[in-house]
Amino acid sequence: MEGYMTIKQAAEKWEVTPRRIQKLCVDGRIVGATKFGRDWAIPADAVKPGDKRITTGEYKNWRKKSDK
């Protein structure tokens, strides 16, 4: 299909694993991704979703803070 890329192509383009792309599609984090049967069609102009992991250290040792 023209204008779309496969999971494998998206994984190579964004330098992540194909399984990660599948998970992003299932979670609805890739805008415009649609499922056709068992395959995903990702728009060719889709942007890589941001990383939502916390890197500030805000939750480091969070159990120790509640002992006060």
PDB file of N, CA and C in Angstrom:
ATOM      1  N   MET A   1       0.841  -1.187   0.000  1.00  0.00           N
ATOM      2  CA  MET A   1       0.000   0.000   0.000  1.00  0.00           C
ATOM      3  C   MET A   1       0.878   1.241   0.000  1.00  0.00           C
ATOM      4  N   GLU A   2       0.549   2.116  -0.852  1.00  0.00           N
ATOM      5  CA  GLU A   2       1.327   3.331  -0.992  1.00  0.00           C
ATOM      6  C   GLU A   2       0.974   4.314   0.124  1.00  0.00           C
ATOM      7  N   GLY A   3       1.970   4.963   0.680  1.00  0.00           N
ATOM      8  CA  GLY A   3       1.753   5.915   1.755  1.00  0.00           C
ATOM      9  C   GLY A   3       1.809   5.283   3.139  1.00  0.00           C
ATOM     10  N   TYR A   4       2.033   3.984   3.199  1.00  0.00           N
ATOM     11  CA  TYR A   4       2.108   3.279   4.471  1.00  0.00           C
ATOM     12  C   TYR A   4       3.396   2.472   4.545  1.00  0.00           C
ATOM     13  N   MET A   5       3.811   2.166   5.764  1.00  0.00           N
ATOM     14  CA  MET A   5       4.975   1.306   5.955  1.00  0.00           C
ATOM     15  C   MET A   5       4.598   0.164   6.895  1.00  0.00           C
ATOM     16  N   THR A   6       5.372  -0.893   6.830  1.00  0.00           N
ATOM     17  CA  THR A   6       5.130  -2.060   7.667  1.00  0.00           C
ATOM     18  C   THR A   6       5.799  -1.865   9.029  1.00  0.00           C
ATOM     19  N   ILE A   7       5.527  -2.786   9.921  1.00  0.00           N
ATOM     20  CA  ILE A   7       6.165  -2.745  11.236  1.00  0.00           C
ATOM     21  C   ILE A   7       7.672  -2.863  11.094  1.00  0.00           C
ATOM     22  N   LYS A   8       8.114  -3.736  10.217  1.00  0.00           N
ATOM     23  CA  LYS A   8       9.557  -3.925  10.020  1.00  0.00           C
ATOM     24  C   LYS A   8      10.210  -2.645   9.498  1.00  0.00           C
ATOM     25  N   GLN A   9       9.577  -1.984   8.552  1.00  0.00           N
ATOM     26  CA  GLN A   9      10.124  -0.739   8.006  1.00  0.00           C
ATOM     27  C   GLN A   9      10.157   0.351   9.069  1.00  0.00           C
ATOM     28  N   ALA A  10       9.104   0.436   9.885  1.00  0.00           N
ATOM     29  CA  ALA A  10       9.063   1.442  10.949  1.00  0.00           C
ATOM     30  C   ALA A  10      10.142   1.164  11.990  1.00  0.00           C
ATOM     31  N   ALA A  11      10.364  -0.109  12.304  1.00  0.00           N
ATOM     32  CA  ALA A  11      11.392  -0.479  13.273  1.00  0.00           C
ATOM     33  C   ALA A  11      12.781  -0.076  12.789  1.00  0.00           C
ATOM     34  N   GLU A  12      13.042  -0.278  11.515  1.00  0.00           N
ATOM     35  CA  GLU A  12      14.338   0.119  10.953  1.00  0.00           C
ATOM     36  C   GLU A  12      14.475   1.637  10.918  1.00  0.00           C
ATOM     37  N   LYS A  13      13.417   2.324  10.571  1.00  0.00           N
ATOM     38  CA  LYS A  13      13.438   3.782  10.466  1.00  0.00           C
ATOM     39  C   LYS A  13      13.658   4.435  11.835  1.00  0.00           C
ATOM     40  N   TRP A  14      12.987   3.903  12.868  1.00  0.00           N
ATOM     41  CA  TRP A  14      13.051   4.495  14.203  1.00  0.00           C
ATOM     42  C   TRP A  14      14.074   3.824  15.109  1.00  0.00           C
ATOM     43  N   GLU A  15      14.767   2.809  14.593  1.00  0.00           N
ATOM     44  CA  GLU A  15      15.818   2.101  15.325  1.00  0.00           C
ATOM     45  C   GLU A  15      15.327   1.512  16.645  1.00  0.00           C
ATOM     46  N   VAL A  16      14.199   0.812  16.581  1.00  0.00           N
ATOM     47  CA  VAL A  16      13.662   0.056  17.713  1.00  0.00           C
ATOM     48  C   VAL A  16      13.283  -1.330  17.203  1.00  0.00           C
ATOM     49  N   THR A  17      12.874  -2.211  18.102  1.00  0.00           N
ATOM     50  CA  THR A  17      12.519  -3.567  17.695  1.00  0.00           C
ATOM     51  C   THR A  17      11.111  -3.601  17.087  1.00  0.00           C
ATOM     52  N   PRO A  18      10.852  -4.563  16.215  1.00  0.00           N
ATOM     53  CA  PRO A  18       9.504  -4.706  15.662  1.00  0.00           C
ATOM     54  C   PRO A  18       8.448  -4.948  16.748  1.00  0.00           C
ATOM     55  N   ARG A  19       8.810  -5.663  17.800  1.00  0.00           N
ATOM     56  CA  ARG A  19       7.868  -5.907  18.891  1.00  0.00           C
ATOM     57  C   ARG A  19       7.473  -4.606  19.569  1.00  0.00           C
ATOM     58  N   ARG A  20       8.408  -3.675  19.704  1.00  0.00           N
ATOM     59  CA  ARG A  20       8.105  -2.374  20.312  1.00  0.00           C
ATOM     60  C   ARG A  20       7.124  -1.605  19.435  1.00  0.00           C
ATOM     61  N   ILE A  21       7.292  -1.669  18.135  1.00  0.00           N
ATOM     62  CA  ILE A  21       6.368  -1.003  17.210  1.00  0.00           C
ATOM     63  C   ILE A  21       4.978  -1.610  17.342  1.00  0.00           C
ATOM     64  N   GLN A  22       4.891  -2.935  17.438  1.00  0.00           N
ATOM     65  CA  GLN A  22       3.591  -3.596  17.622  1.00  0.00           C
ATOM     66  C   GLN A  22       2.911  -3.091  18.888  1.00  0.00           C
ATOM     67  N   LYS A  23       3.649  -3.010  19.957  1.00  0.00           N
ATOM     68  CA  LYS A  23       3.092  -2.553  21.232  1.00  0.00           C
ATOM     69  C   LYS A  23       2.626  -1.107  21.140  1.00  0.00           C
ATOM     70  N   LEU A  24       3.385  -0.260  20.461  1.00  0.00           N
ATOM     71  CA  LEU A  24       2.982   1.133  20.281  1.00  0.00           C
ATOM     72  C   LEU A  24       1.690   1.227  19.479  1.00  0.00           C
ATOM     73  N   CYS A  25       1.539   0.364  18.479  1.00  0.00           N
ATOM     74  CA  CYS A  25       0.314   0.335  17.669  1.00  0.00           C
ATOM     75  C   CYS A  25      -0.877  -0.112  18.503  1.00  0.00           C
ATOM     76  N   VAL A  26      -0.699  -1.173  19.269  1.00  0.00           N
ATOM     77  CA  VAL A  26      -1.780  -1.700  20.101  1.00  0.00           C
ATOM     78  C   VAL A  26      -2.224  -0.659  21.130  1.00  0.00           C
ATOM     79  N   ASP A  27      -1.278   0.062  21.693  1.00  0.00           N
ATOM     80  CA  ASP A  27      -1.593   1.075  22.702  1.00  0.00           C
ATOM     81  C   ASP A  27      -2.145   2.362  22.098  1.00  0.00           C
ATOM     82  N   GLY A  28      -2.149   2.467  20.760  1.00  0.00           N
ATOM     83  CA  GLY A  28      -2.688   3.655  20.099  1.00  0.00           C
ATOM     84  C   GLY A  28      -1.764   4.851  20.143  1.00  0.00           C
ATOM     85  N   ARG A  29      -0.473   4.627  20.314  1.00  0.00           N
ATOM     86  CA  ARG A  29       0.468   5.733  20.421  1.00  0.00           C
ATOM     87  C   ARG A  29       1.022   6.193  19.082  1.00  0.00           C
ATOM     88  N   ILE A  30       0.771   5.431  18.015  1.00  0.00           N
ATOM     89  CA  ILE A  30       1.186   5.861  16.685  1.00  0.00           C
ATOM     90  C   ILE A  30      -0.068   6.357  15.969  1.00  0.00           C
ATOM     91  N   VAL A  31      -0.107   7.633  15.705  1.00  0.00           N
ATOM     92  CA  VAL A  31      -1.285   8.259  15.104  1.00  0.00           C
ATOM     93  C   VAL A  31      -1.479   7.766  13.678  1.00  0.00           C
ATOM     94  N   GLY A  32      -2.674   7.293  13.382  1.00  0.00           N
ATOM     95  CA  GLY A  32      -3.005   6.859  12.032  1.00  0.00           C
ATOM     96  C   GLY A  32      -2.723   5.401  11.739  1.00  0.00           C
ATOM     97  N   ALA A  33      -2.161   4.673  12.675  1.00  0.00           N
ATOM     98  CA  ALA A  33      -1.869   3.251  12.460  1.00  0.00           C
ATOM     99  C   ALA A  33      -3.175   2.469  12.486  1.00  0.00           C
ATOM    100  N   THR A  34      -3.381   1.636  11.463  1.00  0.00           N
ATOM    101  CA  THR A  34      -4.589   0.824  11.392  1.00  0.00           C
ATOM    102  C   THR A  34      -4.205  -0.628  11.187  1.00  0.00           C
ATOM    103  N   LYS A  35      -5.091  -1.504  11.616  1.00  0.00           N
ATOM    104  CA  LYS A  35      -4.817  -2.928  11.512  1.00  0.00           C
ATOM    105  C   LYS A  35      -5.644  -3.517  10.388  1.00  0.00           C
ATOM    106  N   PHE A  36      -4.981  -4.268   9.506  1.00  0.00           N
ATOM    107  CA  PHE A  36      -5.634  -4.974   8.407  1.00  0.00           C
ATOM    108  C   PHE A  36      -5.387  -6.458   8.627  1.00  0.00           C
ATOM    109  N   GLY A  37      -6.398  -7.157   9.135  1.00  0.00           N
ATOM    110  CA  GLY A  37      -6.216  -8.564   9.455  1.00  0.00           C
ATOM    111  C   GLY A  37      -5.267  -8.702  10.626  1.00  0.00           C
ATOM    112  N   ARG A  38      -4.106  -9.302  10.387  1.00  0.00           N
ATOM    113  CA  ARG A  38      -3.117  -9.420  11.461  1.00  0.00           C
ATOM    114  C   ARG A  38      -1.932  -8.486  11.268  1.00  0.00           C
ATOM    115  N   ASP A  39      -1.960  -7.655  10.251  1.00  0.00           N
ATOM    116  CA  ASP A  39      -0.858  -6.742   9.950  1.00  0.00           C
ATOM    117  C   ASP A  39      -1.243  -5.301  10.247  1.00  0.00           C
ATOM    118  N   TRP A  40      -0.261  -4.517  10.622  1.00  0.00           N
ATOM    119  CA  TRP A  40      -0.457  -3.097  10.873  1.00  0.00           C
ATOM    120  C   TRP A  40       0.021  -2.272   9.689  1.00  0.00           C
ATOM    121  N   ALA A  41      -0.713  -1.228   9.380  1.00  0.00           N
ATOM    122  CA  ALA A  41      -0.314  -0.257   8.355  1.00  0.00           C
ATOM    123  C   ALA A  41      -0.051   1.062   9.079  1.00  0.00           C
ATOM    124  N   ILE A  42       1.184   1.513   8.993  1.00  0.00           N
ATOM    125  CA  ILE A  42       1.604   2.736   9.670  1.00  0.00           C
ATOM    126  C   ILE A  42       1.841   3.805   8.613  1.00  0.00           C
ATOM    127  N   PRO A  43       1.246   4.988   8.762  1.00  0.00           N
ATOM    128  CA  PRO A  43       1.476   6.044   7.774  1.00  0.00           C
ATOM    129  C   PRO A  43       2.967   6.330   7.595  1.00  0.00           C
ATOM    130  N   ALA A  44       3.375   6.540   6.370  1.00  0.00           N
ATOM    131  CA  ALA A  44       4.795   6.766   6.067  1.00  0.00           C
ATOM    132  C   ALA A  44       5.319   8.041   6.719  1.00  0.00           C
ATOM    133  N   ASP A  45       4.446   9.014   6.967  1.00  0.00           N
ATOM    134  CA  ASP A  45       4.876  10.270   7.570  1.00  0.00           C
ATOM    135  C   ASP A  45       4.656  10.308   9.080  1.00  0.00           C
ATOM    136  N   ALA A  46       4.364   9.155   9.689  1.00  0.00           N
ATOM    137  CA  ALA A  46       4.148   9.098  11.136  1.00  0.00           C
ATOM    138  C   ALA A  46       5.437   9.421  11.876  1.00  0.00           C
ATOM    139  N   VAL A  47       5.285  10.089  13.007  1.00  0.00           N
ATOM    140  CA  VAL A  47       6.451  10.427  13.822  1.00  0.00           C
ATOM    141  C   VAL A  47       6.573   9.439  14.968  1.00  0.00           C
ATOM    142  N   LYS A  48       7.791   9.193  15.386  1.00  0.00           N
ATOM    143  CA  LYS A  48       8.058   8.258  16.474  1.00  0.00           C
ATOM    144  C   LYS A  48       7.507   8.845  17.772  1.00  0.00           C
ATOM    145  N   PRO A  49       6.695   8.067  18.505  1.00  0.00           N
ATOM    146  CA  PRO A  49       6.181   8.569  19.784  1.00  0.00           C
ATOM    147  C   PRO A  49       7.309   8.799  20.778  1.00  0.00           C
ATOM    148  N   GLY A  50       7.108   9.762  21.634  1.00  0.00           N
ATOM    149  CA  GLY A  50       8.117  10.073  22.632  1.00  0.00           C
ATOM    150  C   GLY A  50       8.243   8.989  23.681  1.00  0.00           C
ATOM    151  N   ASP A  51       9.377   8.972  24.347  1.00  0.00           N
ATOM    152  CA  ASP A  51       9.657   8.014  25.398  1.00  0.00           C
ATOM    153  C   ASP A  51       9.039   8.531  26.687  1.00  0.00           C
ATOM    154  N   LYS A  52       8.147   7.767  27.300  1.00  0.00           N
ATOM    155  CA  LYS A  52       7.450   8.230  28.496  1.00  0.00           C
ATOM    156  C   LYS A  52       8.096   7.771  29.799  1.00  0.00           C
ATOM    157  N   ARG A  53       9.304   7.198  29.698  1.00  0.00           N
ATOM    158  CA  ARG A  53       9.973   6.782  30.931  1.00  0.00           C
ATOM    159  C   ARG A  53      10.427   8.007  31.713  1.00  0.00           C
ATOM    160  N   ILE A  54      10.424   7.891  33.038  1.00  0.00           N
ATOM    161  CA  ILE A  54      10.844   8.987  33.904  1.00  0.00           C
ATOM    162  C   ILE A  54      12.351   8.919  34.065  1.00  0.00           C
ATOM    163  N   THR A  55      13.034   9.981  33.697  1.00  0.00           N
ATOM    164  CA  THR A  55      14.496  10.009  33.759  1.00  0.00           C
ATOM    165  C   THR A  55      14.998  11.051  34.752  1.00  0.00           C
ATOM    166  N   THR A  56      14.094  11.705  35.494  1.00  0.00           N
ATOM    167  CA  THR A  56      14.502  12.748  36.416  1.00  0.00           C
ATOM    168  C   THR A  56      14.984  12.211  37.747  1.00  0.00           C
ATOM    169  N   GLY A  57      14.698  10.927  38.023  1.00  0.00           N
ATOM    170  CA  GLY A  57      15.054  10.364  39.309  1.00  0.00           C
ATOM    171  C   GLY A  57      14.023  10.695  40.372  1.00  0.00           C
ATOM    172  N   GLU A  58      12.890  11.232  39.957  1.00  0.00           N
ATOM    173  CA  GLU A  58      11.848  11.670  40.879  1.00  0.00           C
ATOM    174  C   GLU A  58      11.347  10.522  41.766  1.00  0.00           C
ATOM    175  N   TYR A  59      11.295   9.313  41.228  1.00  0.00           N
ATOM    176  CA  TYR A  59      10.763   8.187  41.975  1.00  0.00           C
ATOM    177  C   TYR A  59      11.852   7.300  42.575  1.00  0.00           C
ATOM    178  N   LYS A  60      13.067   7.771  42.557  1.00  0.00           N
ATOM    179  CA  LYS A  60      14.162   6.999  43.131  1.00  0.00           C
ATOM    180  C   LYS A  60      13.984   6.930  44.650  1.00  0.00           C
ATOM    181  N   ASN A  61      14.086   5.734  45.205  1.00  0.00           N
ATOM    182  CA  ASN A  61      13.919   5.513  46.647  1.00  0.00           C
ATOM    183  C   ASN A  61      12.572   6.007  47.163  1.00  0.00           C
ATOM    184  N   TRP A  62      11.522   5.825  46.411  1.00  0.00           N
ATOM    185  CA  TRP A  62      10.202   6.319  46.794  1.00  0.00           C
ATOM    186  C   TRP A  62       9.658   5.612  48.026  1.00  0.00           C
ATOM    187  N   ARG A  63      10.065   4.397  48.269  1.00  0.00           N
ATOM    188  CA  ARG A  63       9.575   3.680  49.464  1.00  0.00           C
ATOM    189  C   ARG A  63      10.123   4.288  50.737  1.00  0.00           C
ATOM    190  N   LYS A  64      11.339   4.779  50.687  1.00  0.00           N
ATOM    191  CA  LYS A  64      11.955   5.353  51.879  1.00  0.00           C
ATOM    192  C   LYS A  64      11.302   6.673  52.266  1.00  0.00           C
ATOM    193  N   LYS A  65      10.741   7.401  51.323  1.00  0.00           N
ATOM    194  CA  LYS A  65      10.133   8.702  51.596  1.00  0.00           C
ATOM    195  C   LYS A  65       8.829   8.573  52.387  1.00  0.00           C
ATOM    196  N   SER A  66       8.117   7.445  52.232  1.00  0.00           N
ATOM    197  CA  SER A  66       6.823   7.298  52.898  1.00  0.00           C
ATOM    198  C   SER A  66       6.950   6.839  54.338  1.00  0.00           C
ATOM    199  N   ASP A  67       8.150   6.550  54.832  1.00  0.00           N
ATOM    200  CA  ASP A  67       8.351   6.082  56.201  1.00  0.00           C
ATOM    201  C   ASP A  67       8.338   7.216  57.222  1.00  0.00           C
ATOM    202  N   LYS A  68       8.267   8.415  56.781  1.00  0.00           N
ATOM    203  CA  LYS A  68       8.346   9.574  57.698  1.00  0.00           C
ATOM    204  C   LYS A  68       7.119   9.708  58.549  1.00  0.00           C
TER     205      LYS A  68
END
